[in-house]
Amino acid sequence: MTLREDLSAAGFLALGAFEPDTADNLPDLGAGKTTKVLLLIGSTGPSLWPAFSNSDEFSDGNPHPLDRYTKRELSRIAASHGCAPLFPFEGPPYYPFQQWALKCGGFSQSPLGVLAHQDFGPWTGFRAAFLSSQPIAGLDQNTTAGPCETCLDKPCLSACPVNAISVETGYNVPACKAHLETGSDMKCWSGCLARHACPFGSSHKPHPDTARFHMESFVGLAR
């Protein structure tokens, strides 16, 4: 299978690529090889849950099931295509995945604190970066800007029930978490209402089970 097909079968997708420079401080690939392409690997709302929820990691009762599933599958895929993987949940060193996404193109900084993509909206998760010493066919750098710069209405700013989002102060994490801790039956547990208000990438919104899994992880209730 092609790299894109392998990623899709495991619930992931290629979000973009760029040619790194020395300022990116990437690790040595060894054997005299240098990184020619950094490929950002991610998932969107509905893409990852079917594969992950049927994995051994999801049901084995051990901590961090999503990170473990991600590492197992993406390490295998990277190796089969001659790439070296880096993961955002490992470190130190901790790598600047948001900066890398902006260098890939198609992303912009949103008032929510997350990046929004021109196609996927605020529904992308960064799962890994593949480092390749060779060009990757069909994965050219995106030169377009993300959607937030041209979004005039910004409905995300008024959708939060506790006003945890603002242009001036950004995302108030304690206020958001405190609101969630008041009860498990509120609409927020089915996914951040501010994200749901974003007019971009609506077809990539997560399934309610996916949203609840991530909300529980955020509050600290998940395994």
N, C-alpha and C. Protein backbone atom coordinates (compact mmCIF):
# COMPACT_ATOMS: atom_id res chain seq x y z
N MET A 1 0.84 -1.20 0.00
CA MET A 1 0.00 0.00 0.00
C MET A 1 0.87 1.26 0.00
N THR A 2 0.30 2.34 -0.48
CA THR A 2 0.98 3.61 -0.42
C THR A 2 0.99 4.12 1.03
N LEU A 3 1.81 5.14 1.28
CA LEU A 3 1.85 5.71 2.62
C LEU A 3 0.49 6.24 3.03
N ARG A 4 -0.18 6.95 2.13
CA ARG A 4 -1.50 7.48 2.45
C ARG A 4 -2.49 6.36 2.77
N GLU A 5 -2.44 5.27 2.05
CA GLU A 5 -3.34 4.14 2.28
C GLU A 5 -3.06 3.48 3.62
N ASP A 6 -1.78 3.32 3.94
CA ASP A 6 -1.41 2.74 5.24
C ASP A 6 -1.91 3.60 6.39
N LEU A 7 -1.72 4.91 6.26
CA LEU A 7 -2.18 5.83 7.31
C LEU A 7 -3.70 5.77 7.46
N SER A 8 -4.41 5.79 6.35
CA SER A 8 -5.87 5.78 6.37
C SER A 8 -6.41 4.51 7.02
N ALA A 9 -5.81 3.37 6.73
CA ALA A 9 -6.28 2.11 7.29
C ALA A 9 -6.17 2.08 8.81
N ALA A 10 -5.21 2.82 9.36
CA ALA A 10 -5.00 2.87 10.80
C ALA A 10 -5.72 4.05 11.46
N GLY A 11 -6.41 4.88 10.65
CA GLY A 11 -7.17 5.99 11.19
C GLY A 11 -6.47 7.34 11.15
N PHE A 12 -5.34 7.41 10.45
CA PHE A 12 -4.56 8.65 10.41
C PHE A 12 -4.54 9.24 9.00
N LEU A 13 -3.95 10.42 8.88
CA LEU A 13 -3.79 11.03 7.56
C LEU A 13 -2.61 11.98 7.58
N ALA A 14 -2.10 12.27 6.38
CA ALA A 14 -1.01 13.24 6.22
C ALA A 14 -1.60 14.64 6.20
N LEU A 15 -1.18 15.49 7.14
CA LEU A 15 -1.71 16.84 7.25
C LEU A 15 -0.91 17.86 6.46
N GLY A 16 0.32 17.53 6.10
CA GLY A 16 1.16 18.47 5.36
C GLY A 16 2.61 18.11 5.51
N ALA A 17 3.44 18.79 4.74
CA ALA A 17 4.88 18.50 4.75
C ALA A 17 5.64 19.78 4.45
N PHE A 18 6.90 19.80 4.88
CA PHE A 18 7.79 20.91 4.52
C PHE A 18 9.24 20.42 4.59
N GLU A 19 10.11 21.19 3.98
CA GLU A 19 11.54 20.88 4.01
C GLU A 19 12.16 21.62 5.19
N PRO A 20 12.60 20.90 6.22
CA PRO A 20 13.11 21.57 7.42
C PRO A 20 14.50 22.17 7.20
N ASP A 21 14.87 23.09 8.09
CA ASP A 21 16.22 23.66 8.07
C ASP A 21 16.86 23.45 9.44
N THR A 22 18.03 23.97 9.63
CA THR A 22 18.77 23.74 10.87
C THR A 22 18.05 24.31 12.09
N ALA A 23 17.23 25.35 11.90
CA ALA A 23 16.52 25.96 13.01
C ALA A 23 15.47 25.03 13.61
N ASP A 24 15.09 23.98 12.88
CA ASP A 24 14.09 23.05 13.40
C ASP A 24 14.68 22.05 14.39
N ASN A 25 16.01 21.98 14.47
CA ASN A 25 16.70 21.16 15.48
C ASN A 25 16.20 19.72 15.51
N LEU A 26 16.16 19.11 14.35
CA LEU A 26 15.69 17.73 14.27
C LEU A 26 16.81 16.76 14.63
N PRO A 27 16.48 15.60 15.16
CA PRO A 27 17.51 14.62 15.50
C PRO A 27 18.17 14.05 14.25
N ASP A 28 19.39 13.57 14.43
CA ASP A 28 20.14 12.96 13.33
C ASP A 28 19.51 11.64 12.94
N LEU A 29 19.39 11.41 11.65
CA LEU A 29 18.83 10.14 11.18
C LEU A 29 19.85 9.02 11.16
N GLY A 30 21.11 9.36 11.34
CA GLY A 30 22.16 8.34 11.33
C GLY A 30 22.61 7.96 9.93
N ALA A 31 23.73 7.27 9.86
CA ALA A 31 24.28 6.79 8.59
C ALA A 31 24.52 7.92 7.60
N GLY A 32 24.81 9.11 8.12
CA GLY A 32 25.08 10.24 7.25
C GLY A 32 23.85 10.83 6.57
N LYS A 33 22.67 10.44 7.00
CA LYS A 33 21.44 10.91 6.36
C LYS A 33 20.91 12.15 7.09
N THR A 34 20.34 13.06 6.33
CA THR A 34 19.68 14.24 6.89
C THR A 34 18.22 14.25 6.45
N THR A 35 17.39 14.93 7.22
CA THR A 35 15.96 14.98 6.91
C THR A 35 15.71 15.94 5.76
N LYS A 36 15.13 15.43 4.70
CA LYS A 36 14.75 16.24 3.54
C LYS A 36 13.30 16.70 3.63
N VAL A 37 12.46 15.88 4.28
CA VAL A 37 11.03 16.18 4.39
C VAL A 37 10.55 15.84 5.79
N LEU A 38 9.81 16.77 6.40
CA LEU A 38 9.07 16.47 7.62
C LEU A 38 7.60 16.38 7.24
N LEU A 39 7.02 15.22 7.48
CA LEU A 39 5.61 14.96 7.16
C LEU A 39 4.82 14.93 8.46
N LEU A 40 3.84 15.81 8.59
CA LEU A 40 3.02 15.88 9.79
C LEU A 40 1.87 14.90 9.68
N ILE A 41 1.75 14.02 10.67
CA ILE A 41 0.72 12.99 10.68
C ILE A 41 -0.32 13.35 11.74
N GLY A 42 -1.58 13.23 11.39
CA GLY A 42 -2.62 13.56 12.35
C GLY A 42 -3.86 12.71 12.16
N SER A 43 -4.92 13.16 12.80
CA SER A 43 -6.23 12.53 12.65
C SER A 43 -7.28 13.63 12.74
N THR A 44 -8.45 13.34 12.25
CA THR A 44 -9.57 14.27 12.38
C THR A 44 -10.66 13.62 13.22
N GLY A 45 -11.72 14.37 13.46
CA GLY A 45 -12.77 13.90 14.34
C GLY A 45 -13.23 12.48 14.12
N PRO A 46 -13.73 12.13 12.94
CA PRO A 46 -14.27 10.78 12.76
C PRO A 46 -13.27 9.74 12.25
N SER A 47 -12.05 10.13 11.95
CA SER A 47 -11.16 9.21 11.24
C SER A 47 -10.53 8.15 12.13
N LEU A 48 -10.19 8.48 13.36
CA LEU A 48 -9.37 7.60 14.19
C LEU A 48 -10.19 6.65 15.05
N TRP A 49 -11.37 7.06 15.47
CA TRP A 49 -12.12 6.29 16.45
C TRP A 49 -12.43 4.85 16.04
N PRO A 50 -12.88 4.57 14.82
CA PRO A 50 -13.20 3.17 14.48
C PRO A 50 -12.02 2.22 14.66
N ALA A 51 -10.83 2.64 14.20
CA ALA A 51 -9.66 1.77 14.34
C ALA A 51 -9.20 1.69 15.80
N PHE A 52 -9.14 2.83 16.46
CA PHE A 52 -8.65 2.85 17.85
C PHE A 52 -9.59 2.11 18.79
N SER A 53 -10.89 2.30 18.66
CA SER A 53 -11.84 1.68 19.59
C SER A 53 -11.90 0.16 19.44
N ASN A 54 -11.36 -0.37 18.34
CA ASN A 54 -11.28 -1.82 18.15
C ASN A 54 -9.89 -2.38 18.40
N SER A 55 -9.00 -1.56 18.93
CA SER A 55 -7.63 -2.00 19.16
C SER A 55 -7.48 -2.67 20.52
N ASP A 56 -6.39 -3.43 20.69
CA ASP A 56 -6.09 -4.04 21.98
C ASP A 56 -5.86 -2.98 23.04
N GLU A 57 -5.21 -1.87 22.66
CA GLU A 57 -4.89 -0.83 23.62
C GLU A 57 -6.15 -0.22 24.23
N PHE A 58 -7.20 -0.09 23.45
CA PHE A 58 -8.42 0.54 23.92
C PHE A 58 -9.06 -0.26 25.05
N SER A 59 -8.96 -1.57 24.99
CA SER A 59 -9.69 -2.42 25.93
C SER A 59 -8.82 -3.13 26.95
N ASP A 60 -7.49 -2.87 26.97
CA ASP A 60 -6.63 -3.65 27.87
C ASP A 60 -6.58 -3.08 29.30
N GLY A 61 -7.19 -1.90 29.52
CA GLY A 61 -7.24 -1.35 30.87
C GLY A 61 -5.99 -0.66 31.34
N ASN A 62 -5.00 -0.53 30.49
CA ASN A 62 -3.76 0.13 30.87
C ASN A 62 -3.81 1.63 30.53
N PRO A 63 -2.96 2.43 31.18
CA PRO A 63 -3.01 3.88 30.95
C PRO A 63 -2.62 4.27 29.52
N HIS A 64 -3.07 5.45 29.13
CA HIS A 64 -2.70 6.10 27.86
C HIS A 64 -2.95 5.21 26.63
N PRO A 65 -4.16 4.70 26.48
CA PRO A 65 -4.41 3.79 25.35
C PRO A 65 -4.22 4.44 23.98
N LEU A 66 -4.62 5.69 23.83
CA LEU A 66 -4.50 6.33 22.52
C LEU A 66 -3.04 6.56 22.16
N ASP A 67 -2.24 7.00 23.10
CA ASP A 67 -0.81 7.21 22.83
C ASP A 67 -0.14 5.89 22.46
N ARG A 68 -0.49 4.83 23.17
CA ARG A 68 0.14 3.54 22.88
C ARG A 68 -0.29 3.00 21.52
N TYR A 69 -1.57 3.14 21.19
CA TYR A 69 -2.03 2.72 19.86
C TYR A 69 -1.33 3.54 18.78
N THR A 70 -1.28 4.84 18.98
CA THR A 70 -0.63 5.72 18.01
C THR A 70 0.83 5.32 17.79
N LYS A 71 1.56 5.10 18.87
CA LYS A 71 2.98 4.76 18.73
C LYS A 71 3.17 3.43 18.02
N ARG A 72 2.36 2.44 18.37
CA ARG A 72 2.50 1.13 17.73
C ARG A 72 2.23 1.20 16.23
N GLU A 73 1.11 1.78 15.87
CA GLU A 73 0.73 1.79 14.47
C GLU A 73 1.63 2.71 13.63
N LEU A 74 1.92 3.91 14.14
CA LEU A 74 2.71 4.85 13.34
C LEU A 74 4.19 4.47 13.30
N SER A 75 4.69 3.80 14.31
CA SER A 75 6.07 3.28 14.24
C SER A 75 6.17 2.24 13.15
N ARG A 76 5.17 1.37 13.08
CA ARG A 76 5.15 0.33 12.05
C ARG A 76 5.07 0.94 10.65
N ILE A 77 4.18 1.91 10.47
CA ILE A 77 4.00 2.52 9.16
C ILE A 77 5.24 3.30 8.75
N ALA A 78 5.81 4.05 9.68
CA ALA A 78 7.02 4.81 9.38
C ALA A 78 8.15 3.89 8.93
N ALA A 79 8.36 2.80 9.64
CA ALA A 79 9.43 1.86 9.30
C ALA A 79 9.22 1.26 7.91
N SER A 80 7.97 0.94 7.58
CA SER A 80 7.71 0.31 6.29
C SER A 80 7.90 1.26 5.12
N HIS A 81 7.96 2.57 5.40
CA HIS A 81 8.15 3.56 4.33
C HIS A 81 9.46 4.33 4.50
N GLY A 82 10.37 3.78 5.28
CA GLY A 82 11.70 4.36 5.39
C GLY A 82 11.77 5.69 6.12
N CYS A 83 10.86 5.91 7.06
CA CYS A 83 10.82 7.17 7.81
C CYS A 83 11.13 6.93 9.29
N ALA A 84 11.52 7.99 9.97
CA ALA A 84 11.73 7.95 11.41
C ALA A 84 10.63 8.76 12.08
N PRO A 85 9.90 8.19 13.07
CA PRO A 85 8.79 8.91 13.68
C PRO A 85 9.21 9.69 14.93
N LEU A 86 8.58 10.83 15.13
CA LEU A 86 8.66 11.59 16.37
C LEU A 86 7.23 11.76 16.88
N PHE A 87 7.07 11.71 18.22
CA PHE A 87 5.72 11.78 18.79
C PHE A 87 5.59 12.96 19.76
N PRO A 88 4.43 13.64 19.75
CA PRO A 88 4.26 14.81 20.61
C PRO A 88 4.11 14.47 22.09
N PHE A 89 3.80 13.21 22.41
CA PHE A 89 3.59 12.81 23.79
C PHE A 89 4.84 12.19 24.42
N GLU A 90 5.97 12.21 23.73
CA GLU A 90 7.23 11.72 24.27
C GLU A 90 8.20 12.88 24.46
N GLY A 91 9.11 12.74 25.38
CA GLY A 91 10.10 13.77 25.61
C GLY A 91 10.58 13.70 27.04
N PRO A 92 11.57 14.52 27.39
CA PRO A 92 12.22 15.49 26.50
C PRO A 92 13.15 14.82 25.49
N PRO A 93 13.46 15.53 24.39
CA PRO A 93 12.97 16.86 24.05
C PRO A 93 11.52 16.81 23.56
N TYR A 94 10.80 17.93 23.78
CA TYR A 94 9.44 18.07 23.30
C TYR A 94 9.47 18.97 22.05
N TYR A 95 8.93 18.46 20.98
CA TYR A 95 9.07 19.13 19.70
C TYR A 95 7.89 20.08 19.43
N PRO A 96 8.12 21.15 18.68
CA PRO A 96 7.10 22.18 18.44
C PRO A 96 6.14 21.82 17.32
N PHE A 97 5.22 20.92 17.60
CA PHE A 97 4.32 20.42 16.56
C PHE A 97 3.43 21.53 15.99
N GLN A 98 3.00 22.47 16.82
CA GLN A 98 2.17 23.55 16.28
C GLN A 98 2.98 24.42 15.32
N GLN A 99 4.22 24.71 15.65
CA GLN A 99 5.07 25.48 14.73
C GLN A 99 5.29 24.72 13.44
N TRP A 100 5.48 23.43 13.54
CA TRP A 100 5.66 22.62 12.33
C TRP A 100 4.40 22.65 11.47
N ALA A 101 3.23 22.60 12.10
CA ALA A 101 1.98 22.64 11.34
C ALA A 101 1.86 23.95 10.57
N LEU A 102 2.23 25.06 11.20
CA LEU A 102 2.17 26.35 10.52
C LEU A 102 3.14 26.39 9.34
N LYS A 103 4.28 25.71 9.46
CA LYS A 103 5.22 25.66 8.35
C LYS A 103 4.71 24.78 7.22
N CYS A 104 3.85 23.81 7.54
CA CYS A 104 3.26 22.96 6.50
C CYS A 104 2.30 23.76 5.62
N GLY A 105 1.69 24.81 6.18
CA GLY A 105 0.70 25.59 5.43
C GLY A 105 -0.70 25.06 5.64
N GLY A 106 -1.69 25.91 5.36
CA GLY A 106 -3.09 25.53 5.49
C GLY A 106 -3.65 25.69 6.89
N PHE A 107 -2.80 26.01 7.88
CA PHE A 107 -3.22 26.17 9.26
C PHE A 107 -3.15 27.64 9.66
N SER A 108 -3.97 28.01 10.64
CA SER A 108 -3.87 29.32 11.28
C SER A 108 -4.16 29.17 12.77
N GLN A 109 -3.65 30.10 13.55
CA GLN A 109 -3.91 30.09 14.99
C GLN A 109 -5.34 30.56 15.25
N SER A 110 -6.08 29.79 16.04
CA SER A 110 -7.46 30.14 16.33
C SER A 110 -7.57 30.74 17.74
N PRO A 111 -8.65 31.44 18.04
CA PRO A 111 -8.85 31.95 19.40
C PRO A 111 -8.98 30.84 20.44
N LEU A 112 -9.21 29.61 19.98
CA LEU A 112 -9.39 28.49 20.90
C LEU A 112 -8.08 27.96 21.46
N GLY A 113 -6.96 28.45 20.92
CA GLY A 113 -5.67 27.93 21.33
C GLY A 113 -5.16 26.82 20.45
N VAL A 114 -6.07 26.14 19.73
CA VAL A 114 -5.67 25.11 18.77
C VAL A 114 -5.50 25.75 17.40
N LEU A 115 -4.87 25.02 16.51
CA LEU A 115 -4.77 25.48 15.13
C LEU A 115 -6.00 25.02 14.35
N ALA A 116 -6.42 25.83 13.41
CA ALA A 116 -7.53 25.46 12.52
C ALA A 116 -6.99 25.29 11.11
N HIS A 117 -7.49 24.29 10.42
CA HIS A 117 -7.04 23.95 9.07
C HIS A 117 -8.09 24.38 8.06
N GLN A 118 -7.63 24.72 6.86
CA GLN A 118 -8.53 25.20 5.82
C GLN A 118 -9.60 24.17 5.46
N ASP A 119 -9.29 22.88 5.53
CA ASP A 119 -10.24 21.82 5.20
C ASP A 119 -10.85 21.16 6.43
N PHE A 120 -10.03 20.96 7.46
CA PHE A 120 -10.45 20.18 8.63
C PHE A 120 -10.92 21.05 9.80
N GLY A 121 -10.82 22.37 9.67
CA GLY A 121 -11.23 23.24 10.75
C GLY A 121 -10.41 22.98 12.01
N PRO A 122 -11.03 23.05 13.20
CA PRO A 122 -10.29 22.85 14.45
C PRO A 122 -10.26 21.39 14.91
N TRP A 123 -10.50 20.47 13.97
CA TRP A 123 -10.70 19.07 14.35
C TRP A 123 -9.50 18.18 14.08
N THR A 124 -8.32 18.74 13.95
CA THR A 124 -7.14 17.91 13.73
C THR A 124 -6.39 17.67 15.04
N GLY A 125 -5.89 16.46 15.19
CA GLY A 125 -4.99 16.13 16.28
C GLY A 125 -3.64 15.79 15.69
N PHE A 126 -2.57 16.30 16.26
CA PHE A 126 -1.23 16.00 15.77
C PHE A 126 -0.73 14.74 16.48
N ARG A 127 -0.47 13.70 15.70
CA ARG A 127 -0.13 12.40 16.28
C ARG A 127 1.35 12.03 16.12
N ALA A 128 2.00 12.53 15.09
CA ALA A 128 3.42 12.20 14.88
C ALA A 128 3.98 13.08 13.77
N ALA A 129 5.29 13.06 13.66
CA ALA A 129 5.98 13.63 12.50
C ALA A 129 6.88 12.54 11.95
N PHE A 130 6.82 12.34 10.64
CA PHE A 130 7.70 11.38 9.97
C PHE A 130 8.86 12.16 9.34
N LEU A 131 10.08 11.74 9.63
CA LEU A 131 11.26 12.34 9.04
C LEU A 131 11.76 11.44 7.93
N SER A 132 11.94 12.00 6.76
CA SER A 132 12.38 11.22 5.61
C SER A 132 13.62 11.85 5.00
N SER A 133 14.57 11.00 4.63
CA SER A 133 15.78 11.48 3.96
C SER A 133 15.58 11.59 2.46
N GLN A 134 14.38 11.21 1.98
CA GLN A 134 14.07 11.26 0.56
C GLN A 134 12.76 12.04 0.35
N PRO A 135 12.60 12.66 -0.81
CA PRO A 135 11.31 13.31 -1.11
C PRO A 135 10.18 12.30 -1.06
N ILE A 136 8.98 12.77 -0.68
CA ILE A 136 7.80 11.92 -0.62
C ILE A 136 6.84 12.38 -1.71
N ALA A 137 6.56 11.51 -2.65
CA ALA A 137 5.75 11.87 -3.81
C ALA A 137 4.35 12.33 -3.39
N GLY A 138 3.89 13.41 -4.00
CA GLY A 138 2.53 13.90 -3.79
C GLY A 138 2.32 14.65 -2.50
N LEU A 139 3.40 15.00 -1.79
CA LEU A 139 3.26 15.70 -0.51
C LEU A 139 4.07 16.99 -0.55
N ASP A 140 3.64 17.91 -1.38
CA ASP A 140 4.29 19.20 -1.49
C ASP A 140 3.81 20.14 -0.39
N GLN A 141 4.61 21.15 -0.11
CA GLN A 141 4.26 22.12 0.93
C GLN A 141 3.05 22.94 0.48
N ASN A 142 2.12 23.14 1.41
CA ASN A 142 0.90 23.93 1.15
C ASN A 142 1.23 25.41 1.32
N THR A 143 0.88 26.23 0.37
CA THR A 143 1.20 27.66 0.44
C THR A 143 0.00 28.52 0.83
N THR A 144 -1.13 27.91 1.14
CA THR A 144 -2.31 28.69 1.48
C THR A 144 -2.36 28.96 2.99
N ALA A 145 -3.06 30.02 3.35
CA ALA A 145 -3.21 30.38 4.76
C ALA A 145 -4.37 29.62 5.37
N GLY A 146 -4.39 29.57 6.69
CA GLY A 146 -5.48 28.92 7.38
C GLY A 146 -6.73 29.79 7.40
N PRO A 147 -7.84 29.28 7.93
CA PRO A 147 -9.13 29.95 7.79
C PRO A 147 -9.37 31.11 8.75
N CYS A 148 -8.69 31.14 9.89
CA CYS A 148 -9.05 32.11 10.93
C CYS A 148 -8.80 33.56 10.51
N GLU A 149 -7.82 33.78 9.67
CA GLU A 149 -7.48 35.14 9.27
C GLU A 149 -8.59 35.80 8.46
N THR A 150 -9.40 35.01 7.79
CA THR A 150 -10.48 35.56 6.96
C THR A 150 -11.86 35.36 7.58
N CYS A 151 -11.91 34.78 8.78
CA CYS A 151 -13.19 34.54 9.46
C CYS A 151 -13.57 35.81 10.22
N LEU A 152 -14.57 36.51 9.74
CA LEU A 152 -14.95 37.80 10.33
C LEU A 152 -15.91 37.64 11.52
N ASP A 153 -16.83 36.68 11.44
CA ASP A 153 -17.84 36.54 12.49
C ASP A 153 -17.28 35.90 13.77
N LYS A 154 -16.35 34.95 13.61
CA LYS A 154 -15.74 34.24 14.74
C LYS A 154 -16.80 33.76 15.75
N PRO A 155 -17.70 32.89 15.32
CA PRO A 155 -18.74 32.39 16.23
C PRO A 155 -18.19 31.59 17.40
N CYS A 156 -16.96 31.11 17.30
CA CYS A 156 -16.37 30.35 18.40
C CYS A 156 -16.26 31.18 19.68
N LEU A 157 -16.14 32.50 19.53
CA LEU A 157 -15.92 33.36 20.69
C LEU A 157 -17.17 33.49 21.57
N SER A 158 -18.33 33.32 20.99
CA SER A 158 -19.57 33.50 21.76
C SER A 158 -20.25 32.18 22.12
N ALA A 159 -19.70 31.06 21.70
CA ALA A 159 -20.37 29.78 21.90
C ALA A 159 -20.09 29.15 23.26
N CYS A 160 -18.98 29.55 23.91
CA CYS A 160 -18.61 28.93 25.19
C CYS A 160 -19.55 29.41 26.30
N PRO A 161 -20.17 28.51 27.06
CA PRO A 161 -21.13 28.92 28.09
C PRO A 161 -20.50 29.62 29.29
N VAL A 162 -19.18 29.52 29.46
CA VAL A 162 -18.51 30.20 30.59
C VAL A 162 -17.51 31.23 30.10
N ASN A 163 -17.64 31.63 28.84
CA ASN A 163 -16.78 32.67 28.26
C ASN A 163 -15.29 32.38 28.49
N ALA A 164 -14.91 31.13 28.23
CA ALA A 164 -13.52 30.74 28.44
C ALA A 164 -12.64 31.06 27.23
N ILE A 165 -13.23 31.67 26.19
CA ILE A 165 -12.49 31.98 24.98
C ILE A 165 -12.58 33.47 24.72
N SER A 166 -11.44 34.11 24.47
CA SER A 166 -11.46 35.52 24.07
C SER A 166 -10.24 35.81 23.22
N VAL A 167 -10.36 36.82 22.37
CA VAL A 167 -9.23 37.23 21.53
C VAL A 167 -8.12 37.80 22.39
N GLU A 168 -8.49 38.54 23.45
CA GLU A 168 -7.50 39.23 24.27
C GLU A 168 -6.70 38.28 25.16
N THR A 169 -7.36 37.33 25.77
CA THR A 169 -6.68 36.47 26.75
C THR A 169 -6.54 35.03 26.31
N GLY A 170 -7.13 34.67 25.16
CA GLY A 170 -7.00 33.30 24.66
C GLY A 170 -7.92 32.34 25.40
N TYR A 171 -7.44 31.14 25.65
CA TYR A 171 -8.23 30.05 26.20
C TYR A 171 -8.00 29.96 27.70
N ASN A 172 -9.05 30.12 28.49
CA ASN A 172 -8.99 30.03 29.94
C ASN A 172 -9.22 28.57 30.34
N VAL A 173 -8.14 27.82 30.44
CA VAL A 173 -8.25 26.38 30.72
C VAL A 173 -8.90 26.10 32.07
N PRO A 174 -8.52 26.78 33.16
CA PRO A 174 -9.16 26.48 34.46
C PRO A 174 -10.67 26.70 34.44
N ALA A 175 -11.14 27.75 33.76
CA ALA A 175 -12.59 28.00 33.71
C ALA A 175 -13.30 26.89 32.95
N CYS A 176 -12.71 26.44 31.87
CA CYS A 176 -13.30 25.35 31.07
C CYS A 176 -13.35 24.07 31.89
N LYS A 177 -12.25 23.72 32.52
CA LYS A 177 -12.20 22.47 33.29
C LYS A 177 -13.15 22.52 34.48
N ALA A 178 -13.22 23.67 35.17
CA ALA A 178 -14.12 23.79 36.31
C ALA A 178 -15.58 23.61 35.89
N HIS A 179 -15.93 24.12 34.72
CA HIS A 179 -17.29 23.97 34.22
C HIS A 179 -17.59 22.50 33.95
N LEU A 180 -16.67 21.79 33.33
CA LEU A 180 -16.88 20.37 33.05
C LEU A 180 -17.02 19.56 34.33
N GLU A 181 -16.29 19.95 35.37
CA GLU A 181 -16.30 19.20 36.63
C GLU A 181 -17.60 19.36 37.40
N THR A 182 -18.46 20.30 36.97
CA THR A 182 -19.73 20.49 37.67
C THR A 182 -20.76 19.42 37.33
N GLY A 183 -20.55 18.66 36.28
CA GLY A 183 -21.50 17.61 35.93
C GLY A 183 -21.17 16.96 34.61
N SER A 184 -21.67 15.75 34.42
CA SER A 184 -21.34 14.98 33.21
C SER A 184 -22.47 14.96 32.20
N ASP A 185 -23.57 15.68 32.44
CA ASP A 185 -24.70 15.62 31.53
C ASP A 185 -24.82 16.84 30.64
N MET A 186 -23.87 17.76 30.74
CA MET A 186 -23.96 18.98 29.96
C MET A 186 -23.49 18.76 28.52
N LYS A 187 -23.90 19.65 27.64
CA LYS A 187 -23.60 19.51 26.22
C LYS A 187 -22.11 19.49 25.95
N CYS A 188 -21.32 20.16 26.78
CA CYS A 188 -19.87 20.24 26.54
C CYS A 188 -19.20 18.87 26.52
N TRP A 189 -19.80 17.90 27.22
CA TRP A 189 -19.19 16.57 27.26
C TRP A 189 -19.30 15.85 25.92
N SER A 190 -20.12 16.37 25.04
CA SER A 190 -20.22 15.80 23.68
C SER A 190 -19.31 16.53 22.70
N GLY A 191 -18.45 17.39 23.23
CA GLY A 191 -17.50 18.12 22.39
C GLY A 191 -17.57 19.61 22.67
N CYS A 192 -16.42 20.25 22.64
CA CYS A 192 -16.32 21.68 22.92
C CYS A 192 -17.29 22.47 22.04
N LEU A 193 -18.17 23.24 22.68
CA LEU A 193 -19.17 24.00 21.92
C LEU A 193 -18.54 25.08 21.07
N ALA A 194 -17.42 25.64 21.53
CA ALA A 194 -16.73 26.66 20.74
C ALA A 194 -16.17 26.05 19.46
N ARG A 195 -15.62 24.87 19.56
CA ARG A 195 -15.13 24.19 18.36
C ARG A 195 -16.29 23.86 17.42
N HIS A 196 -17.38 23.38 18.00
CA HIS A 196 -18.54 23.02 17.17
C HIS A 196 -19.12 24.23 16.44
N ALA A 197 -18.89 25.42 16.98
CA ALA A 197 -19.41 26.63 16.33
C ALA A 197 -18.57 27.07 15.14
N CYS A 198 -17.38 26.52 15.00
CA CYS A 198 -16.50 26.90 13.89
C CYS A 198 -17.16 26.53 12.56
N PRO A 199 -17.21 27.46 11.61
CA PRO A 199 -17.85 27.16 10.32
C PRO A 199 -17.00 26.33 9.38
N PHE A 200 -15.78 26.01 9.77
CA PHE A 200 -14.88 25.27 8.89
C PHE A 200 -14.74 23.82 9.36
N GLY A 201 -14.66 22.91 8.39
CA GLY A 201 -14.40 21.50 8.68
C GLY A 201 -15.52 20.78 9.39
N SER A 202 -16.77 21.19 9.17
CA SER A 202 -17.88 20.60 9.92
C SER A 202 -18.03 19.09 9.67
N SER A 203 -17.62 18.62 8.50
CA SER A 203 -17.75 17.19 8.21
C SER A 203 -16.72 16.35 8.96
N HIS A 204 -15.79 17.00 9.63
CA HIS A 204 -14.74 16.28 10.37
C HIS A 204 -14.95 16.33 11.88
N LYS A 205 -16.15 16.75 12.31
CA LYS A 205 -16.44 16.76 13.73
C LYS A 205 -16.43 15.33 14.28
N PRO A 206 -16.06 15.16 15.54
CA PRO A 206 -15.94 13.81 16.08
C PRO A 206 -17.28 13.19 16.43
N HIS A 207 -17.30 11.88 16.48
CA HIS A 207 -18.43 11.14 17.03
C HIS A 207 -18.53 11.48 18.52
N PRO A 208 -19.73 11.51 19.10
CA PRO A 208 -19.87 11.83 20.53
C PRO A 208 -19.01 10.95 21.44
N ASP A 209 -18.83 9.67 21.10
CA ASP A 209 -17.98 8.80 21.92
C ASP A 209 -16.53 9.27 21.89
N THR A 210 -16.08 9.72 20.72
CA THR A 210 -14.73 10.26 20.60
C THR A 210 -14.59 11.51 21.44
N ALA A 211 -15.56 12.40 21.33
CA ALA A 211 -15.51 13.66 22.07
C ALA A 211 -15.48 13.40 23.57
N ARG A 212 -16.28 12.48 24.04
CA ARG A 212 -16.32 12.21 25.47
C ARG A 212 -15.00 11.60 25.94
N PHE A 213 -14.40 10.74 25.14
CA PHE A 213 -13.11 10.16 25.50
C PHE A 213 -12.08 11.26 25.73
N HIS A 214 -12.04 12.24 24.81
CA HIS A 214 -11.06 13.32 24.93
C HIS A 214 -11.41 14.27 26.08
N MET A 215 -12.69 14.52 26.31
CA MET A 215 -13.08 15.37 27.43
C MET A 215 -12.72 14.72 28.77
N GLU A 216 -12.91 13.43 28.88
CA GLU A 216 -12.55 12.73 30.10
C GLU A 216 -11.04 12.74 30.32
N SER A 217 -10.29 12.63 29.23
CA SER A 217 -8.83 12.73 29.34
C SER A 217 -8.43 14.13 29.81
N PHE A 218 -9.10 15.14 29.29
CA PHE A 218 -8.80 16.53 29.64
C PHE A 218 -9.05 16.80 31.12
N VAL A 219 -10.17 16.29 31.62
CA VAL A 219 -10.54 16.52 33.01
C VAL A 219 -9.75 15.61 33.96
N GLY A 220 -9.25 14.49 33.42
CA GLY A 220 -8.47 13.58 34.24
C GLY A 220 -9.23 12.37 34.70
N LEU A 221 -10.31 12.03 33.98
CA LEU A 221 -11.13 10.87 34.37
C LEU A 221 -10.77 9.62 33.58
N ALA A 222 -10.06 9.79 32.47
CA ALA A 222 -9.79 8.63 31.61
C ALA A 222 -8.64 7.82 32.16
N ARG A 223 -8.51 6.61 31.58
CA ARG A 223 -7.41 5.74 31.98
C ARG A 223 -6.09 6.33 31.55
